[in-house]
Amino acid sequence: MINNIKITETEMRYIQLLQNMTGATIVDCIVDEALDTIIFTVKKGEVGLAVGKGGEKIKRFRSMTNKQVEIYEYLPEAEKFIRNALKPAKVKDIRLVDRMGGKKIAMVNVEPKDKGIAIGKNGSNIKKIRFLADRYFQLDTVVIN
């Protein structure tokens, strides 16, 4: 699925814990110490399994770890992954553009009323999307229009 990603021992423990608690297949885990958050990417179609009915599995995981948790569905196509990761913002279209110097960027056009949702408070959503887009698809940036 995803090549060349290094997972720390701590991240591996979180993966094992969430997999054991939920039965979901965890593809990746990133511990963001600055935001006291754990970001998981799960196999396609398994977000519901990871979250649980009414979010009970994630709530239990949060109480065990005292960390915020975010779950994204891994999709192998950059456009589909970004579109899905930006929900509930309504994405009109996404274009992958090759720039001079070998840089690759994703130009994302969202509904004007959803721009704030896509960007997030203090840019928190778009920062995570940019990080994941680079990690999984080697995209240099994601631009919201």
Protein backbone atom coordinates (compact mmCIF):
# COMPACT_ATOMS: atom_id res chain seq x y z
CA MET A 1 0.00 0.00 0.00
CA ILE A 2 2.25 2.74 1.30
CA ASN A 3 6.00 2.41 0.84
CA ASN A 4 8.94 3.99 2.63
CA ILE A 5 7.00 5.15 5.69
CA LYS A 6 8.84 4.77 8.96
CA ILE A 7 6.73 4.05 12.02
CA THR A 8 8.13 4.59 15.50
CA GLU A 9 7.80 2.12 18.35
CA THR A 10 5.23 4.37 20.02
CA GLU A 11 3.18 4.60 16.83
CA MET A 12 3.36 0.81 16.49
CA ARG A 13 1.93 0.41 20.01
CA TYR A 14 -0.95 2.76 19.17
CA ILE A 15 -1.63 0.82 15.95
CA GLN A 16 -1.75 -2.48 17.87
CA LEU A 17 -4.03 -1.02 20.53
CA LEU A 18 -6.53 0.45 18.03
CA GLN A 19 -6.51 -2.68 15.87
CA ASN A 20 -7.14 -4.89 18.91
CA MET A 21 -9.93 -2.62 20.17
CA THR A 22 -11.72 -2.18 16.85
CA GLY A 23 -10.76 -4.92 14.41
CA ALA A 24 -9.99 -2.23 11.82
CA THR A 25 -6.89 -2.52 9.63
CA ILE A 26 -4.62 0.40 10.43
CA VAL A 27 -2.51 1.52 7.48
CA ASP A 28 -0.56 4.30 9.18
CA CYS A 29 -0.20 6.20 12.45
CA ILE A 30 1.30 9.61 13.14
CA VAL A 31 1.71 11.00 16.64
CA ASP A 32 1.53 14.80 16.56
CA GLU A 33 3.04 15.82 19.90
CA ALA A 34 2.46 19.53 19.27
CA LEU A 35 -1.31 19.01 18.97
CA ASP A 36 -1.41 16.05 21.39
CA THR A 37 -3.16 14.13 18.61
CA ILE A 38 -2.82 10.71 17.04
CA ILE A 39 -3.70 10.51 13.35
CA PHE A 40 -4.62 7.09 11.99
CA THR A 41 -5.19 6.06 8.40
CA VAL A 42 -7.33 2.96 8.01
CA LYS A 43 -8.01 0.57 5.17
CA LYS A 44 -10.68 1.62 2.66
CA GLY A 45 -14.17 1.08 4.03
CA GLU A 46 -13.09 0.60 7.66
CA VAL A 47 -13.56 4.08 9.16
CA GLY A 48 -16.90 3.04 10.67
CA LEU A 49 -15.33 -0.07 12.16
CA ALA A 50 -12.53 2.01 13.70
CA VAL A 51 -14.85 4.69 15.08
CA GLY A 52 -17.60 2.38 16.33
CA LYS A 53 -21.31 2.98 16.74
CA GLY A 54 -21.84 6.50 18.04
CA GLY A 55 -18.05 6.87 18.20
CA GLU A 56 -17.80 4.58 21.25
CA LYS A 57 -14.58 2.84 20.17
CA ILE A 58 -12.75 6.10 19.56
CA LYS A 59 -14.06 7.57 22.82
CA ARG A 60 -12.70 4.54 24.69
CA PHE A 61 -9.35 4.83 22.86
CA ARG A 62 -9.18 8.56 23.74
CA SER A 63 -9.85 7.87 27.41
CA MET A 64 -7.13 5.18 27.49
CA THR A 65 -4.50 7.35 25.82
CA ASN A 66 -5.53 10.89 26.87
CA LYS A 67 -4.94 11.97 23.26
CA GLN A 68 -7.15 13.40 20.57
CA VAL A 69 -7.68 10.98 17.69
CA GLU A 70 -8.36 11.56 14.02
CA ILE A 71 -9.08 8.85 11.49
CA TYR A 72 -8.71 9.10 7.73
CA GLU A 73 -9.57 6.50 5.13
CA TYR A 74 -6.62 5.49 2.95
CA LEU A 75 -7.43 5.64 -0.74
CA PRO A 76 -4.59 4.96 -3.22
CA GLU A 77 -5.54 7.82 -5.58
CA ALA A 78 -4.45 11.28 -4.40
CA GLU A 79 -7.56 13.06 -5.66
CA LYS A 80 -9.95 10.64 -3.94
CA PHE A 81 -7.92 10.68 -0.71
CA ILE A 82 -7.88 14.50 -0.56
CA ARG A 83 -11.59 14.80 -1.43
CA ASN A 84 -12.48 12.31 1.29
CA ALA A 85 -10.12 13.84 3.87
CA LEU A 86 -11.65 17.29 3.39
CA LYS A 87 -15.18 16.14 4.25
CA PRO A 88 -17.58 17.64 5.21
CA ALA A 89 -16.34 20.46 2.93
CA LYS A 90 -17.85 20.09 -0.55
CA VAL A 91 -15.04 19.74 -3.08
CA LYS A 92 -15.93 20.83 -6.62
CA ASP A 93 -12.78 19.50 -8.27
CA ILE A 94 -9.14 18.62 -7.72
CA ARG A 95 -6.33 19.01 -10.22
CA LEU A 96 -2.85 17.59 -9.78
CA VAL A 97 -0.33 19.94 -11.36
CA ASP A 98 3.35 19.35 -12.14
CA ARG A 99 5.33 22.54 -11.59
CA MET A 100 8.77 23.50 -12.77
CA GLY A 101 11.54 21.98 -10.72
CA GLY A 102 9.63 18.72 -10.29
CA LYS A 103 7.17 20.03 -7.71
CA LYS A 104 3.73 18.44 -7.66
CA ILE A 105 0.76 20.24 -6.16
CA ALA A 106 -2.95 19.60 -5.74
CA MET A 107 -5.27 22.48 -6.62
CA VAL A 108 -8.52 21.95 -4.72
CA ASN A 109 -11.61 23.94 -5.60
CA VAL A 110 -14.18 23.91 -2.78
CA GLU A 111 -17.57 25.55 -2.42
CA PRO A 112 -16.93 29.12 -1.18
CA LYS A 113 -19.06 28.55 1.94
CA ASP A 114 -16.95 25.49 2.82
CA LYS A 115 -13.53 27.13 2.51
CA GLY A 116 -13.31 27.69 6.27
CA ILE A 117 -14.14 24.04 6.95
CA ALA A 118 -11.48 22.87 4.49
CA ILE A 119 -8.81 25.12 5.99
CA GLY A 120 -9.81 24.62 9.64
CA LYS A 121 -9.18 26.72 12.71
CA ASN A 122 -5.73 28.34 12.37
CA GLY A 123 -5.16 26.20 9.26
CA SER A 124 -5.16 22.95 11.25
CA ASN A 125 -7.13 20.89 8.69
CA ILE A 126 -5.15 21.92 5.65
CA LYS A 127 -1.84 21.41 7.49
CA LYS A 128 -2.79 17.78 8.19
CA ILE A 129 -4.02 17.23 4.62
CA ARG A 130 -0.76 18.68 3.25
CA PHE A 131 1.29 16.46 5.54
CA LEU A 132 -0.64 13.32 4.55
CA ALA A 133 -0.63 14.23 0.82
CA ASP A 134 3.16 14.57 0.98
CA ARG A 135 3.56 11.38 3.02
CA TYR A 136 1.38 9.22 0.76
CA PHE A 137 1.57 10.84 -2.68
CA GLN A 138 4.74 13.01 -2.60
CA LEU A 139 2.69 16.15 -3.24
CA ASP A 140 4.60 19.29 -2.32
CA THR A 141 1.47 21.18 -1.29
CA VAL A 142 -2.31 21.30 -1.41
CA VAL A 143 -3.86 24.65 -2.34
CA ILE A 144 -7.48 25.44 -1.46
CA ASN A 145 -9.30 27.75 -3.89
